[in-house]
PDB file of all heavy atoms in Angstrom:
ATOM      1  N   ASP A   1      -7.219   0.574 -16.061  1.00  0.00           N
ATOM      2  CA  ASP A   1      -7.320  -0.684 -16.791  1.00  0.00           C
ATOM      3  C   ASP A   1      -6.186  -1.653 -16.470  1.00  0.00           C
ATOM      4  O   ASP A   1      -6.048  -2.681 -17.108  1.00  0.00           O
ATOM      5  CB  ASP A   1      -7.390  -0.425 -18.287  1.00  0.00           C
ATOM      6  CG  ASP A   1      -6.140   0.278 -18.813  1.00  0.00           C
ATOM      7  OD1 ASP A   1      -5.438   0.911 -18.011  1.00  0.00           O
ATOM      8  OD2 ASP A   1      -5.887   0.185 -20.016  1.00  0.00           O
ATOM      9  N   LYS A   2      -5.361  -1.343 -15.497  1.00  0.00           N
ATOM     10  CA  LYS A   2      -4.247  -2.206 -15.096  1.00  0.00           C
ATOM     11  C   LYS A   2      -4.436  -2.630 -13.650  1.00  0.00           C
ATOM     12  O   LYS A   2      -5.099  -1.970 -12.870  1.00  0.00           O
ATOM     13  CB  LYS A   2      -2.897  -1.485 -15.249  1.00  0.00           C
ATOM     14  CG  LYS A   2      -2.556  -1.118 -16.673  1.00  0.00           C
ATOM     15  CD  LYS A   2      -2.220  -2.335 -17.489  1.00  0.00           C
ATOM     16  CE  LYS A   2      -1.850  -1.930 -18.909  1.00  0.00           C
ATOM     17  NZ  LYS A   2      -1.502  -3.065 -19.728  1.00  0.00           N
ATOM     18  N   GLY A   3      -3.818  -3.749 -13.309  1.00  0.00           N
ATOM     19  CA  GLY A   3      -3.911  -4.239 -11.944  1.00  0.00           C
ATOM     20  C   GLY A   3      -2.617  -4.903 -11.538  1.00  0.00           C
ATOM     21  O   GLY A   3      -1.607  -4.804 -12.237  1.00  0.00           O
ATOM     22  N   ALA A   4      -2.656  -5.603 -10.412  1.00  0.00           N
ATOM     23  CA  ALA A   4      -1.476  -6.266  -9.893  1.00  0.00           C
ATOM     24  C   ALA A   4      -1.886  -7.514  -9.121  1.00  0.00           C
ATOM     25  O   ALA A   4      -3.018  -7.638  -8.690  1.00  0.00           O
ATOM     26  CB  ALA A   4      -0.707  -5.323  -8.977  1.00  0.00           C
ATOM     27  N   VAL A   5      -0.940  -8.411  -8.984  1.00  0.00           N
ATOM     28  CA  VAL A   5      -1.110  -9.582  -8.132  1.00  0.00           C
ATOM     29  C   VAL A   5      -0.062  -9.462  -7.039  1.00  0.00           C
ATOM     30  O   VAL A   5       1.115  -9.232  -7.315  1.00  0.00           O
ATOM     31  CB  VAL A   5      -0.896 -10.895  -8.923  1.00  0.00           C
ATOM     32  CG1 VAL A   5      -0.983 -12.096  -7.997  1.00  0.00           C
ATOM     33  CG2 VAL A   5      -1.911 -11.024 -10.045  1.00  0.00           C
ATOM     34  N   SER A   6      -0.502  -9.580  -5.795  1.00  0.00           N
ATOM     35  CA  SER A   6       0.437  -9.509  -4.680  1.00  0.00           C
ATOM     36  C   SER A   6       0.071 -10.582  -3.668  1.00  0.00           C
ATOM     37  O   SER A   6      -1.035 -11.112  -3.677  1.00  0.00           O
ATOM     38  CB  SER A   6       0.389  -8.128  -4.020  1.00  0.00           C
ATOM     39  OG  SER A   6      -0.886  -7.910  -3.440  1.00  0.00           O
ATOM     40  N   GLY A   7       1.007 -10.907  -2.810  1.00  0.00           N
ATOM     41  CA  GLY A   7       0.721 -11.906  -1.793  1.00  0.00           C
ATOM     42  C   GLY A   7       1.938 -12.235  -0.973  1.00  0.00           C
ATOM     43  O   GLY A   7       2.970 -11.569  -1.061  1.00  0.00           O
ATOM     44  N   THR A   8       1.798 -13.280  -0.164  1.00  0.00           N
ATOM     45  CA  THR A   8       2.862 -13.760   0.701  1.00  0.00           C
ATOM     46  C   THR A   8       3.041 -15.249   0.459  1.00  0.00           C
ATOM     47  O   THR A   8       2.067 -15.992   0.461  1.00  0.00           O
ATOM     48  CB  THR A   8       2.504 -13.517   2.183  1.00  0.00           C
ATOM     49  OG1 THR A   8       2.254 -12.124   2.366  1.00  0.00           O
ATOM     50  CG2 THR A   8       3.626 -13.955   3.105  1.00  0.00           C
ATOM     51  N   VAL A   9       4.268 -15.679   0.247  1.00  0.00           N
ATOM     52  CA  VAL A   9       4.567 -17.095   0.015  1.00  0.00           C
ATOM     53  C   VAL A   9       4.966 -17.713   1.355  1.00  0.00           C
ATOM     54  O   VAL A   9       5.867 -17.221   2.029  1.00  0.00           O
ATOM     55  CB  VAL A   9       5.712 -17.267  -1.013  1.00  0.00           C
ATOM     56  CG1 VAL A   9       5.952 -18.741  -1.288  1.00  0.00           C
ATOM     57  CG2 VAL A   9       5.399 -16.530  -2.301  1.00  0.00           C
ATOM     58  N   LYS A  10       4.264 -18.807   1.738  1.00  0.00           N
ATOM     59  CA  LYS A  10       4.531 -19.506   2.999  1.00  0.00           C
ATOM     60  C   LYS A  10       4.618 -21.001   2.745  1.00  0.00           C
ATOM     61  O   LYS A  10       4.029 -21.509   1.790  1.00  0.00           O
ATOM     62  CB  LYS A  10       3.409 -19.248   3.996  1.00  0.00           C
ATOM     63  CG  LYS A  10       3.239 -17.788   4.366  1.00  0.00           C
ATOM     64  CD  LYS A  10       2.109 -17.612   5.352  1.00  0.00           C
ATOM     65  CE  LYS A  10       1.944 -16.148   5.720  1.00  0.00           C
ATOM     66  NZ  LYS A  10       0.883 -15.987   6.731  1.00  0.00           N
ATOM     67  N   ASP A  11       5.323 -21.715   3.637  1.00  0.00           N
ATOM     68  CA  ASP A  11       5.377 -23.169   3.516  1.00  0.00           C
ATOM     69  C   ASP A  11       4.228 -23.795   4.308  1.00  0.00           C
ATOM     70  O   ASP A  11       3.373 -23.091   4.849  1.00  0.00           O
ATOM     71  CB  ASP A  11       6.745 -23.721   3.937  1.00  0.00           C
ATOM     72  CG  ASP A  11       7.037 -23.566   5.423  1.00  0.00           C
ATOM     73  OD1 ASP A  11       6.114 -23.264   6.213  1.00  0.00           O
ATOM     74  OD2 ASP A  11       8.202 -23.762   5.799  1.00  0.00           O
ATOM     75  N   SER A  12       4.205 -25.120   4.387  1.00  0.00           N
ATOM     76  CA  SER A  12       3.084 -25.820   5.019  1.00  0.00           C
ATOM     77  C   SER A  12       2.996 -25.578   6.523  1.00  0.00           C
ATOM     78  O   SER A  12       1.954 -25.824   7.121  1.00  0.00           O
ATOM     79  CB  SER A  12       3.182 -27.319   4.741  1.00  0.00           C
ATOM     80  OG  SER A  12       4.394 -27.829   5.243  1.00  0.00           O
ATOM     81  N   THR A  13       4.050 -25.058   7.132  1.00  0.00           N
ATOM     82  CA  THR A  13       4.015 -24.750   8.562  1.00  0.00           C
ATOM     83  C   THR A  13       3.633 -23.298   8.825  1.00  0.00           C
ATOM     84  O   THR A  13       3.514 -22.891   9.966  1.00  0.00           O
ATOM     85  CB  THR A  13       5.382 -25.034   9.226  1.00  0.00           C
ATOM     86  OG1 THR A  13       6.349 -24.107   8.727  1.00  0.00           O
ATOM     87  CG2 THR A  13       5.838 -26.457   8.979  1.00  0.00           C
ATOM     88  N   GLY A  14       3.505 -22.511   7.767  1.00  0.00           N
ATOM     89  CA  GLY A  14       3.165 -21.102   7.903  1.00  0.00           C
ATOM     90  C   GLY A  14       4.373 -20.178   7.917  1.00  0.00           C
ATOM     91  O   GLY A  14       4.224 -18.969   8.035  1.00  0.00           O
ATOM     92  N   ALA A  15       5.577 -20.751   7.782  1.00  0.00           N
ATOM     93  CA  ALA A  15       6.783 -19.924   7.735  1.00  0.00           C
ATOM     94  C   ALA A  15       6.899 -19.254   6.370  1.00  0.00           C
ATOM     95  O   ALA A  15       6.634 -19.886   5.345  1.00  0.00           O
ATOM     96  CB  ALA A  15       8.019 -20.787   7.997  1.00  0.00           C
ATOM     97  N   VAL A  16       7.277 -17.975   6.358  1.00  0.00           N
ATOM     98  CA  VAL A  16       7.430 -17.261   5.088  1.00  0.00           C
ATOM     99  C   VAL A  16       8.639 -17.799   4.332  1.00  0.00           C
ATOM    100  O   VAL A  16       9.579 -18.316   4.923  1.00  0.00           O
ATOM    101  CB  VAL A  16       7.554 -15.733   5.295  1.00  0.00           C
ATOM    102  CG1 VAL A  16       6.295 -15.179   5.936  1.00  0.00           C
ATOM    103  CG2 VAL A  16       8.782 -15.372   6.095  1.00  0.00           C
ATOM    104  N   LEU A  17       8.591 -17.681   3.008  1.00  0.00           N
ATOM    105  CA  LEU A  17       9.670 -18.155   2.149  1.00  0.00           C
ATOM    106  C   LEU A  17      10.297 -16.983   1.397  1.00  0.00           C
ATOM    107  O   LEU A  17       9.855 -16.614   0.309  1.00  0.00           O
ATOM    108  CB  LEU A  17       9.145 -19.194   1.157  1.00  0.00           C
ATOM    109  CG  LEU A  17       8.605 -20.486   1.776  1.00  0.00           C
ATOM    110  CD1 LEU A  17       8.025 -21.395   0.709  1.00  0.00           C
ATOM    111  CD2 LEU A  17       9.703 -21.193   2.549  1.00  0.00           C
ATOM    112  N   PRO A  18      11.318 -16.355   1.964  1.00  0.00           N
ATOM    113  CA  PRO A  18      12.006 -15.276   1.252  1.00  0.00           C
ATOM    114  C   PRO A  18      12.783 -15.849   0.075  1.00  0.00           C
ATOM    115  O   PRO A  18      13.311 -16.960   0.149  1.00  0.00           O
ATOM    116  CB  PRO A  18      12.950 -14.706   2.315  1.00  0.00           C
ATOM    117  CG  PRO A  18      13.158 -15.809   3.283  1.00  0.00           C
ATOM    118  CD  PRO A  18      11.892 -16.612   3.279  1.00  0.00           C
ATOM    119  N   GLY A  19      12.808 -15.120  -1.017  1.00  0.00           N
ATOM    120  CA  GLY A  19      13.561 -15.546  -2.188  1.00  0.00           C
ATOM    121  C   GLY A  19      12.831 -16.525  -3.089  1.00  0.00           C
ATOM    122  O   GLY A  19      13.427 -17.060  -4.010  1.00  0.00           O
ATOM    123  N   ALA A  20      11.545 -16.748  -2.843  1.00  0.00           N
ATOM    124  CA  ALA A  20      10.771 -17.625  -3.725  1.00  0.00           C
ATOM    125  C   ALA A  20      10.476 -16.889  -5.031  1.00  0.00           C
ATOM    126  O   ALA A  20      10.165 -15.699  -5.022  1.00  0.00           O
ATOM    127  CB  ALA A  20       9.468 -18.048  -3.063  1.00  0.00           C
ATOM    128  N   ARG A  21      10.579 -17.591  -6.146  1.00  0.00           N
ATOM    129  CA  ARG A  21      10.283 -16.986  -7.449  1.00  0.00           C
ATOM    130  C   ARG A  21       8.808 -17.230  -7.768  1.00  0.00           C
ATOM    131  O   ARG A  21       8.348 -18.362  -7.779  1.00  0.00           O
ATOM    132  CB  ARG A  21      11.154 -17.596  -8.530  1.00  0.00           C
ATOM    133  CG  ARG A  21      10.922 -17.013  -9.909  1.00  0.00           C
ATOM    134  CD  ARG A  21      11.886 -17.649 -10.918  1.00  0.00           C
ATOM    135  NE  ARG A  21      11.576 -17.276 -12.265  1.00  0.00           N
ATOM    136  CZ  ARG A  21      11.964 -16.149 -12.844  1.00  0.00           C
ATOM    137  NH1 ARG A  21      12.682 -15.288 -12.163  1.00  0.00           N
ATOM    138  NH2 ARG A  21      11.639 -15.887 -14.087  1.00  0.00           N
ATOM    139  N   VAL A  22       8.089 -16.148  -8.021  1.00  0.00           N
ATOM    140  CA  VAL A  22       6.669 -16.203  -8.358  1.00  0.00           C
ATOM    141  C   VAL A  22       6.540 -15.721  -9.791  1.00  0.00           C
ATOM    142  O   VAL A  22       6.938 -14.599 -10.115  1.00  0.00           O
ATOM    143  CB  VAL A  22       5.829 -15.310  -7.414  1.00  0.00           C
ATOM    144  CG1 VAL A  22       4.358 -15.400  -7.758  1.00  0.00           C
ATOM    145  CG2 VAL A  22       6.083 -15.696  -5.958  1.00  0.00           C
ATOM    146  N   GLU A  23       6.017 -16.578 -10.658  1.00  0.00           N
ATOM    147  CA  GLU A  23       5.949 -16.261 -12.085  1.00  0.00           C
ATOM    148  C   GLU A  23       4.554 -16.557 -12.618  1.00  0.00           C
ATOM    149  O   GLU A  23       3.943 -17.555 -12.255  1.00  0.00           O
ATOM    150  CB  GLU A  23       6.969 -17.114 -12.831  1.00  0.00           C
ATOM    151  CG  GLU A  23       7.012 -16.864 -14.318  1.00  0.00           C
ATOM    152  CD  GLU A  23       8.077 -17.720 -14.999  1.00  0.00           C
ATOM    153  OE1 GLU A  23       8.394 -18.813 -14.510  1.00  0.00           O
ATOM    154  OE2 GLU A  23       8.584 -17.276 -16.032  1.00  0.00           O
ATOM    155  N   LEU A  24       4.062 -15.666 -13.465  1.00  0.00           N
ATOM    156  CA  LEU A  24       2.809 -15.950 -14.152  1.00  0.00           C
ATOM    157  C   LEU A  24       3.069 -17.072 -15.147  1.00  0.00           C
ATOM    158  O   LEU A  24       4.115 -17.105 -15.799  1.00  0.00           O
ATOM    159  CB  LEU A  24       2.279 -14.711 -14.873  1.00  0.00           C
ATOM    160  CG  LEU A  24       1.905 -13.529 -13.974  1.00  0.00           C
ATOM    161  CD1 LEU A  24       1.317 -12.404 -14.819  1.00  0.00           C
ATOM    162  CD2 LEU A  24       0.938 -13.940 -12.893  1.00  0.00           C
ATOM    163  N   ALA A  25       2.135 -18.005 -15.238  1.00  0.00           N
ATOM    164  CA  ALA A  25       2.306 -19.184 -16.088  1.00  0.00           C
ATOM    165  C   ALA A  25       2.652 -18.789 -17.516  1.00  0.00           C
ATOM    166  O   ALA A  25       2.299 -17.708 -17.985  1.00  0.00           O
ATOM    167  CB  ALA A  25       1.045 -20.032 -16.069  1.00  0.00           C
ATOM    168  N   GLN A  26       3.341 -19.685 -18.187  1.00  0.00           N
ATOM    169  CA  GLN A  26       3.744 -19.541 -19.589  1.00  0.00           C
ATOM    170  C   GLN A  26       4.682 -18.363 -19.805  1.00  0.00           C
ATOM    171  O   GLN A  26       4.462 -17.510 -20.665  1.00  0.00           O
ATOM    172  CB  GLN A  26       2.521 -19.457 -20.497  1.00  0.00           C
ATOM    173  CG  GLN A  26       1.634 -20.683 -20.395  1.00  0.00           C
ATOM    174  CD  GLN A  26       0.380 -20.561 -21.212  1.00  0.00           C
ATOM    175  OE1 GLN A  26       0.083 -19.518 -21.783  1.00  0.00           O
ATOM    176  NE2 GLN A  26      -0.375 -21.643 -21.275  1.00  0.00           N
ATOM    177  N   ASN A  27       5.730 -18.295 -18.971  1.00  0.00           N
ATOM    178  CA  ASN A  27       6.800 -17.300 -19.126  1.00  0.00           C
ATOM    179  C   ASN A  27       6.339 -15.859 -19.032  1.00  0.00           C
ATOM    180  O   ASN A  27       6.835 -14.994 -19.753  1.00  0.00           O
ATOM    181  CB  ASN A  27       7.569 -17.534 -20.422  1.00  0.00           C
ATOM    182  CG  ASN A  27       8.238 -18.881 -20.439  1.00  0.00           C
ATOM    183  OD1 ASN A  27       8.759 -19.325 -19.424  1.00  0.00           O
ATOM    184  ND2 ASN A  27       8.206 -19.547 -21.575  1.00  0.00           N
ATOM    185  N   GLY A  28       5.411 -15.601 -18.144  1.00  0.00           N
ATOM    186  CA  GLY A  28       4.942 -14.241 -17.935  1.00  0.00           C
ATOM    187  C   GLY A  28       5.864 -13.482 -17.005  1.00  0.00           C
ATOM    188  O   GLY A  28       6.939 -13.949 -16.644  1.00  0.00           O
ATOM    189  N   PRO A  29       5.438 -12.303 -16.576  1.00  0.00           N
ATOM    190  CA  PRO A  29       6.235 -11.520 -15.640  1.00  0.00           C
ATOM    191  C   PRO A  29       6.466 -12.308 -14.344  1.00  0.00           C
ATOM    192  O   PRO A  29       5.694 -13.204 -14.007  1.00  0.00           O
ATOM    193  CB  PRO A  29       5.378 -10.287 -15.364  1.00  0.00           C
ATOM    194  CG  PRO A  29       4.355 -10.257 -16.431  1.00  0.00           C
ATOM    195  CD  PRO A  29       4.194 -11.658 -16.922  1.00  0.00           C
ATOM    196  N   SER A  30       7.509 -11.949 -13.618  1.00  0.00           N
ATOM    197  CA  SER A  30       7.805 -12.652 -12.376  1.00  0.00           C
ATOM    198  C   SER A  30       8.302 -11.682 -11.317  1.00  0.00           C
ATOM    199  O   SER A  30       8.606 -10.524 -11.604  1.00  0.00           O
ATOM    200  CB  SER A  30       8.848 -13.739 -12.612  1.00  0.00           C
ATOM    201  OG  SER A  30      10.077 -13.163 -12.993  1.00  0.00           O
ATOM    202  N   ALA A  31       8.362 -12.186 -10.094  1.00  0.00           N
ATOM    203  CA  ALA A  31       8.890 -11.423  -8.968  1.00  0.00           C
ATOM    204  C   ALA A  31       9.541 -12.416  -8.007  1.00  0.00           C
ATOM    205  O   ALA A  31       9.281 -13.617  -8.074  1.00  0.00           O
ATOM    206  CB  ALA A  31       7.773 -10.668  -8.260  1.00  0.00           C
ATOM    207  N   VAL A  32      10.380 -11.904  -7.135  1.00  0.00           N
ATOM    208  CA  VAL A  32      11.002 -12.713  -6.097  1.00  0.00           C
ATOM    209  C   VAL A  32      10.508 -12.175  -4.761  1.00  0.00           C
ATOM    210  O   VAL A  32      10.504 -10.957  -4.531  1.00  0.00           O
ATOM    211  CB  VAL A  32      12.540 -12.639  -6.181  1.00  0.00           C
ATOM    212  CG1 VAL A  32      13.188 -13.374  -5.023  1.00  0.00           C
ATOM    213  CG2 VAL A  32      13.019 -13.208  -7.518  1.00  0.00           C
ATOM    214  N   SER A  33      10.064 -13.082  -3.879  1.00  0.00           N
ATOM    215  CA  SER A  33       9.545 -12.647  -2.587  1.00  0.00           C
ATOM    216  C   SER A  33      10.655 -12.028  -1.734  1.00  0.00           C
ATOM    217  O   SER A  33      11.810 -12.445  -1.791  1.00  0.00           O
ATOM    218  CB  SER A  33       8.880 -13.815  -1.856  1.00  0.00           C
ATOM    219  OG  SER A  33       9.791 -14.862  -1.619  1.00  0.00           O
ATOM    220  N   ASP A  34      10.268 -11.028  -0.962  1.00  0.00           N
ATOM    221  CA  ASP A  34      11.234 -10.315  -0.121  1.00  0.00           C
ATOM    222  C   ASP A  34      11.488 -11.076   1.184  1.00  0.00           C
ATOM    223  O   ASP A  34      11.061 -12.219   1.351  1.00  0.00           O
ATOM    224  CB  ASP A  34      10.765  -8.881   0.127  1.00  0.00           C
ATOM    225  CG  ASP A  34       9.474  -8.793   0.940  1.00  0.00           C
ATOM    226  OD1 ASP A  34       9.057  -9.804   1.559  1.00  0.00           O
ATOM    227  OD2 ASP A  34       8.889  -7.705   0.972  1.00  0.00           O
ATOM    228  N   SER A  35      12.153 -10.443   2.124  1.00  0.00           N
ATOM    229  CA  SER A  35      12.513 -11.102   3.381  1.00  0.00           C
ATOM    230  C   SER A  35      11.298 -11.492   4.223  1.00  0.00           C
ATOM    231  O   SER A  35      11.399 -12.331   5.107  1.00  0.00           O
ATOM    232  CB  SER A  35      13.436 -10.200   4.204  1.00  0.00           C
ATOM    233  OG  SER A  35      12.771  -8.991   4.531  1.00  0.00           O
ATOM    234  N   GLN A  36      10.146 -10.906   3.918  1.00  0.00           N
ATOM    235  CA  GLN A  36       8.904 -11.242   4.610  1.00  0.00           C
ATOM    236  C   GLN A  36       8.027 -12.197   3.790  1.00  0.00           C
ATOM    237  O   GLN A  36       6.880 -12.437   4.137  1.00  0.00           O
ATOM    238  CB  GLN A  36       8.117  -9.971   4.922  1.00  0.00           C
ATOM    239  CG  GLN A  36       8.865  -8.994   5.795  1.00  0.00           C
ATOM    240  CD  GLN A  36       9.238  -9.598   7.140  1.00  0.00           C
ATOM    241  OE1 GLN A  36       8.406 -10.193   7.802  1.00  0.00           O
ATOM    242  NE2 GLN A  36      10.496  -9.471   7.520  1.00  0.00           N
ATOM    243  N   GLY A  37       8.570 -12.689   2.661  1.00  0.00           N
ATOM    244  CA  GLY A  37       7.827 -13.598   1.801  1.00  0.00           C
ATOM    245  C   GLY A  37       6.832 -12.900   0.890  1.00  0.00           C
ATOM    246  O   GLY A  37       6.060 -13.545   0.187  1.00  0.00           O
ATOM    247  N   GLN A  38       6.830 -11.580   0.851  1.00  0.00           N
ATOM    248  CA  GLN A  38       5.858 -10.821   0.068  1.00  0.00           C
ATOM    249  C   GLN A  38       6.371 -10.557  -1.346  1.00  0.00           C
ATOM    250  O   GLN A  38       7.568 -10.400  -1.559  1.00  0.00           O
ATOM    251  CB  GLN A  38       5.537  -9.508   0.764  1.00  0.00           C
ATOM    252  CG  GLN A  38       4.907  -9.727   2.111  1.00  0.00           C
ATOM    253  CD  GLN A  38       4.636  -8.432   2.841  1.00  0.00           C
ATOM    254  OE1 GLN A  38       5.111  -7.351   2.462  1.00  0.00           O
ATOM    255  NE2 GLN A  38       3.866  -8.507   3.911  1.00  0.00           N
ATOM    256  N   PHE A  39       5.427 -10.517  -2.290  1.00  0.00           N
ATOM    257  CA  PHE A  39       5.772 -10.250  -3.685  1.00  0.00           C
ATOM    258  C   PHE A  39       4.705  -9.371  -4.317  1.00  0.00           C
ATOM    259  O   PHE A  39       3.591  -9.253  -3.801  1.00  0.00           O
ATOM    260  CB  PHE A  39       5.892 -11.564  -4.480  1.00  0.00           C
ATOM    261  CG  PHE A  39       4.582 -12.264  -4.674  1.00  0.00           C
ATOM    262  CD1 PHE A  39       3.804 -12.030  -5.806  1.00  0.00           C
ATOM    263  CD2 PHE A  39       4.105 -13.145  -3.726  1.00  0.00           C
ATOM    264  CE1 PHE A  39       2.577 -12.659  -5.984  1.00  0.00           C
ATOM    265  CE2 PHE A  39       2.897 -13.792  -3.896  1.00  0.00           C
ATOM    266  CZ  PHE A  39       2.130 -13.545  -5.025  1.00  0.00           C
ATOM    267  N   LEU A  40       5.066  -8.747  -5.456  1.00  0.00           N
ATOM    268  CA  LEU A  40       4.139  -7.908  -6.219  1.00  0.00           C
ATOM    269  C   LEU A  40       4.503  -8.022  -7.696  1.00  0.00           C
ATOM    270  O   LEU A  40       5.667  -7.862  -8.065  1.00  0.00           O
ATOM    271  CB  LEU A  40       4.249  -6.435  -5.784  1.00  0.00           C
ATOM    272  CG  LEU A  40       3.492  -5.418  -6.635  1.00  0.00           C
ATOM    273  CD1 LEU A  40       1.989  -5.599  -6.480  1.00  0.00           C
ATOM    274  CD2 LEU A  40       3.910  -4.010  -6.268  1.00  0.00           C
ATOM    275  N   ILE A  41       3.507  -8.319  -8.517  1.00  0.00           N
ATOM    276  CA  ILE A  41       3.655  -8.284  -9.975  1.00  0.00           C
ATOM    277  C   ILE A  41       2.615  -7.281 -10.459  1.00  0.00           C
ATOM    278  O   ILE A  41       1.416  -7.499 -10.287  1.00  0.00           O
ATOM    279  CB  ILE A  41       3.432  -9.670 -10.616  1.00  0.00           C
ATOM    280  CG1 ILE A  41       4.419 -10.693 -10.043  1.00  0.00           C
ATOM    281  CG2 ILE A  41       3.569  -9.580 -12.140  1.00  0.00           C
ATOM    282  CD1 ILE A  41       4.175 -12.123 -10.490  1.00  0.00           C
ATOM    283  N   SER A  42       3.068  -6.177 -11.031  1.00  0.00           N
ATOM    284  CA  SER A  42       2.162  -5.080 -11.389  1.00  0.00           C
ATOM    285  C   SER A  42       2.023  -4.908 -12.894  1.00  0.00           C
ATOM    286  O   SER A  42       2.638  -5.615 -13.676  1.00  0.00           O
ATOM    287  CB  SER A  42       2.649  -3.783 -10.745  1.00  0.00           C
ATOM    288  OG  SER A  42       3.955  -3.496 -11.160  1.00  0.00           O
ATOM    289  N   SER A  43       1.210  -3.933 -13.263  1.00  0.00           N
ATOM    290  CA  SER A  43       0.930  -3.562 -14.656  1.00  0.00           C
ATOM    291  C   SER A  43       0.324  -4.718 -15.448  1.00  0.00           C
ATOM    292  O   SER A  43       0.717  -4.981 -16.586  1.00  0.00           O
ATOM    293  CB  SER A  43       2.201  -3.048 -15.345  1.00  0.00           C
ATOM    294  OG  SER A  43       2.672  -1.899 -14.712  1.00  0.00           O
ATOM    295  N   LEU A  44      -0.639  -5.403 -14.851  1.00  0.00           N
ATOM    296  CA  LEU A  44      -1.290  -6.534 -15.506  1.00  0.00           C
ATOM    297  C   LEU A  44      -2.649  -6.132 -16.060  1.00  0.00           C
ATOM    298  O   LEU A  44      -3.391  -5.387 -15.426  1.00  0.00           O
ATOM    299  CB  LEU A  44      -1.485  -7.685 -14.508  1.00  0.00           C
ATOM    300  CG  LEU A  44      -0.223  -8.255 -13.894  1.00  0.00           C
ATOM    301  CD1 LEU A  44      -0.580  -9.287 -12.838  1.00  0.00           C
ATOM    302  CD2 LEU A  44       0.669  -8.852 -14.963  1.00  0.00           C
ATOM    303  N   ALA A  45      -2.957  -6.644 -17.233  1.00  0.00           N
ATOM    304  CA  ALA A  45      -4.287  -6.446 -17.809  1.00  0.00           C
ATOM    305  C   ALA A  45      -5.289  -7.271 -17.009  1.00  0.00           C
ATOM    306  O   ALA A  45      -4.928  -8.289 -16.417  1.00  0.00           O
ATOM    307  CB  ALA A  45      -4.282  -6.888 -19.268  1.00  0.00           C
TER     308      ALA A  45
END
């Protein structure tokens, strides 16, 4: 009954953005993208 949101953050040229903060709207859980621009927010309903 739980899931996750994962992905890669990139800019308009396709370059990855390490250190980008990814947050669920309205002060939800958050993650910071790694050196490859990838992030994971887990344990979501």
